Amino acid sequence: MQNFQNNTMTNNTISRVSCSVSTCAYNQNSQYCTAPSIQIKAHNASTAEETDCATFVKR
C-alpha cells in the first residue's frame, strides 16, 4: 500500500477515518482504519442509531 500525504493516508492508515471496532483486523490501536478502502452500503437509514456511522445526519 502506498503512503500518501496531506491527510489522505499516512503510515498505511486512512488518517481522517476514526475507528473504535477493536475486533476488526484493519483497526490500529482502536483508533484508525488501515483498510485499503472502505465499503459503505445503503440500508434506508433515517437516524444515526440505524447506522454504524456516528457522524450520520439525515438529508
C-alpha atoms as a PDB file:
ATOM      1  CA  MET A   1       0.000   0.000   0.000  1.00  0.00           C
ATOM      2  CA  GLN A   2       1.301   3.445  -0.858  1.00  0.00           C
ATOM      3  CA  ASN A   3       1.704   6.177   1.725  1.00  0.00           C
ATOM      4  CA  PHE A   4       0.122   9.482   0.725  1.00  0.00           C
ATOM      5  CA  GLN A   5       0.469  12.865   2.409  1.00  0.00           C
ATOM      6  CA  ASN A   6      -1.847  15.812   3.229  1.00  0.00           C
ATOM      7  CA  ASN A   7      -4.257  13.848   5.469  1.00  0.00           C
ATOM      8  CA  THR A   8      -5.121  11.328   2.785  1.00  0.00           C
ATOM      9  CA  MET A   9      -3.045   8.409   4.007  1.00  0.00           C
ATOM     10  CA  THR A  10      -0.071   8.204   6.344  1.00  0.00           C
ATOM     11  CA  ASN A  11       1.700   5.072   7.625  1.00  0.00           C
ATOM     12  CA  ASN A  12      -0.902   2.835   5.942  1.00  0.00           C
ATOM     13  CA  THR A  13      -3.822   4.394   7.852  1.00  0.00           C
ATOM     14  CA  ILE A  14      -6.684   6.423   6.491  1.00  0.00           C
ATOM     15  CA  SER A  15      -5.944   9.361   8.775  1.00  0.00           C
ATOM     16  CA  ARG A  16      -9.345  11.023   8.538  1.00  0.00           C
ATOM     17  CA  VAL A  17     -11.264   7.844   9.440  1.00  0.00           C
ATOM     18  CA  SER A  18     -11.516   7.095  13.146  1.00  0.00           C
ATOM     19  CA  CYS A  19     -12.442   3.547  14.127  1.00  0.00           C
ATOM     20  CA  SER A  20     -13.293   2.049  17.502  1.00  0.00           C
ATOM     21  CA  VAL A  21     -14.049  -1.512  16.321  1.00  0.00           C
ATOM     22  CA  SER A  22     -11.257  -3.306  18.144  1.00  0.00           C
ATOM     23  CA  THR A  23     -12.294  -6.712  16.738  1.00  0.00           C
ATOM     24  CA  CYS A  24     -11.630  -5.619  13.131  1.00  0.00           C
ATOM     25  CA  ALA A  25      -8.378  -6.810  11.550  1.00  0.00           C
ATOM     26  CA  TYR A  26      -7.960  -3.375   9.917  1.00  0.00           C
ATOM     27  CA  ASN A  27      -8.168  -1.481  13.219  1.00  0.00           C
ATOM     28  CA  GLN A  28      -4.908   0.003  14.512  1.00  0.00           C
ATOM     29  CA  ASN A  29      -4.711   0.742  18.253  1.00  0.00           C
ATOM     30  CA  SER A  30      -8.528   1.086  18.469  1.00  0.00           C
ATOM     31  CA  GLN A  31      -8.170   4.428  16.698  1.00  0.00           C
ATOM     32  CA  TYR A  32      -7.506   4.201  12.948  1.00  0.00           C
ATOM     33  CA  CYS A  33      -8.582   2.202   9.919  1.00  0.00           C
ATOM     34  CA  THR A  34      -5.819   0.516   7.909  1.00  0.00           C
ATOM     35  CA  ALA A  35      -8.099  -0.983   5.230  1.00  0.00           C
ATOM     36  CA  PRO A  36      -7.100  -0.210   1.629  1.00  0.00           C
ATOM     37  CA  SER A  37     -10.664   1.018   1.018  1.00  0.00           C
ATOM     38  CA  ILE A  38     -13.975   1.306   2.862  1.00  0.00           C
ATOM     39  CA  GLN A  39     -17.254  -0.078   1.516  1.00  0.00           C
ATOM     40  CA  ILE A  40     -20.463   1.652   2.598  1.00  0.00           C
ATOM     41  CA  LYS A  41     -23.868   0.133   1.833  1.00  0.00           C
ATOM     42  CA  ALA A  42     -27.276   1.809   1.927  1.00  0.00           C
ATOM     43  CA  HIS A  43     -29.949   0.373   4.218  1.00  0.00           C
ATOM     44  CA  ASN A  44     -32.531   3.224   4.106  1.00  0.00           C
ATOM     45  CA  ALA A  45     -31.481   4.614   7.477  1.00  0.00           C
ATOM     46  CA  SER A  46     -33.267   7.645   8.857  1.00  0.00           C
ATOM     47  CA  THR A  47     -31.426   8.039  12.184  1.00  0.00           C
ATOM     48  CA  ALA A  48     -27.849   7.614  13.395  1.00  0.00           C
ATOM     49  CA  GLU A  49     -28.981   4.679  15.540  1.00  0.00           C
ATOM     50  CA  GLU A  50     -29.951   2.805  12.341  1.00  0.00           C
ATOM     51  CA  THR A  51     -26.374   3.070  11.038  1.00  0.00           C
ATOM     52  CA  ASP A  52     -22.899   2.296  12.268  1.00  0.00           C
ATOM     53  CA  CYS A  53     -21.882   5.861  11.446  1.00  0.00           C
ATOM     54  CA  ALA A  54     -21.636   8.148  14.470  1.00  0.00           C
ATOM     55  CA  THR A  55     -21.497  11.198  12.166  1.00  0.00           C
ATOM     56  CA  PHE A  56     -24.699  10.316  10.250  1.00  0.00           C
ATOM     57  CA  VAL A  57     -27.006  13.272   9.530  1.00  0.00           C
ATOM     58  CA  LYS A  58     -30.270  12.662   7.657  1.00  0.00           C
ATOM     59  CA  ARG A  59     -30.732  14.664   4.451  1.00  0.00           C
END
